[in-house]
Amino acid sequence: MPETRWTDLYSRFETLCAGAPGLRARDAADQLGVSEAELVAAKTVPGWAKPLVPEPERGFAPVLEAMPGVGEVMVLTRNAHAVHERHGIFDHVSIGKQMGIVANHTIDLRLFMSHWCHAFALEEEVKSGKRLSLQFFDASGTAVHKIYATAATDRAAFDAVIAEWKGDRVPEMMLEAPATPPLEKPDSEINLERLRRDWLALRDTHQFFGLLRQNGVTRRQAMRLVGDDMAFRTDPASVTRMLERAAAKSTPIMVFVRNRGCIQIHSGPIKRVAPMGPWINVLDPEFNLHLRTDRVAEAWIVRKPTDDGIVSALEVFDTDGECFAMFFGERKPGIPELEGWRDILDDLVLEGAQ
């Protein structure tokens, strides 16, 4: 893409910001009619952004594998309706050709590396001072993951990672159209008896993806068809009530936010839950969640059999049928579900049935 493209886009961005200071990057990109990756690329014009060059065989995996050496960071994964921020150490990193895992109690990620297509190091001025991050984008230019330096980060080590992988100029960005939601088959084409039999035969929650594929159903469609004992539709306000009760009862939970390239997970108690306009927020020192309650079209209390007993979740969907956040009681394989978590969901079921 010609260099004048980035110069022109950056000029438009400056004009937009002059009239709307503090505008978030994703919202600014939407208003400018470009992807967020293109907006970050335009910030190479004043020198705020530097493109990162993928390793020919392994993409951006080596960049992530260098992260344990930088100490504490803040990681951010978002989709159109939810933002998940977690402070911790980016270690216990294991990345294969297609999948990657960062697995420790503070930072817990599942990485789908085929969607990590573009990356930049970005340093820009914000209210709190200069903020440095690594930002990764999929083939459509949508952000899949961001890693921010904090006051506790080893800045020299962070800078060294950038120096090793930065490029001299923005590479050609042939962006694809954003992914569209999968089409559902008519309910009449689904074998309901087989769907329920396969659901009741689950032994691990990870088998659920195979169940959907084998039965030819979308996630939301499976919940609609399997029966209220396994998937109960509750009202969208249940998300706020669940978070408030988990905080009030100090019930440790797991919070999943996903996009095409990453699933980010928080495990542990939450404390401060605060509504702000259409957003419900968790505002704790090490974990923040921002979720648009007005984008919750459906909320489902979902129960899956496992070798450890029933595992229950609250799953939220938008109008396109995309599951954009999931909540569980904190647990590990081999350990039964927390009674306190189950009580919270049982109360939501009773309230929804009234």
Foldseek 3Di string as FASTA:
>chain_A
DDPVLLVVLVVVLVVVCVVPPPDDLCVSCVVSVAASQSPLQSVCVVPQKFWFAADPQAGCLVLLQLQQVFFKKWKWFADPFKIKIFIGGQDPWDDDRAWIWRDDQGWTKIFGPQFFDIKMWGWDQDPVGIKTKIWTGGQQNYTGMMITDDPRTNVVSVVVSCVVGTDDHDDDRPHDHDDADDDADPPVPFPQVVLLVVQQPAADPVCVVVSCVVRVGDPVVSLVRNDCVFKNWFDLCLVVVLLVLQQVVQFWKKKWFGDPTMIIIHTGGFHDWDDDVQWIWGDDPGIIMTGRSVQFPIWMWGWGQHNQGIWIKIWTAGPSRDTGMIMGGDDDPPHHGDPSSVVSVVVRRVVRVD
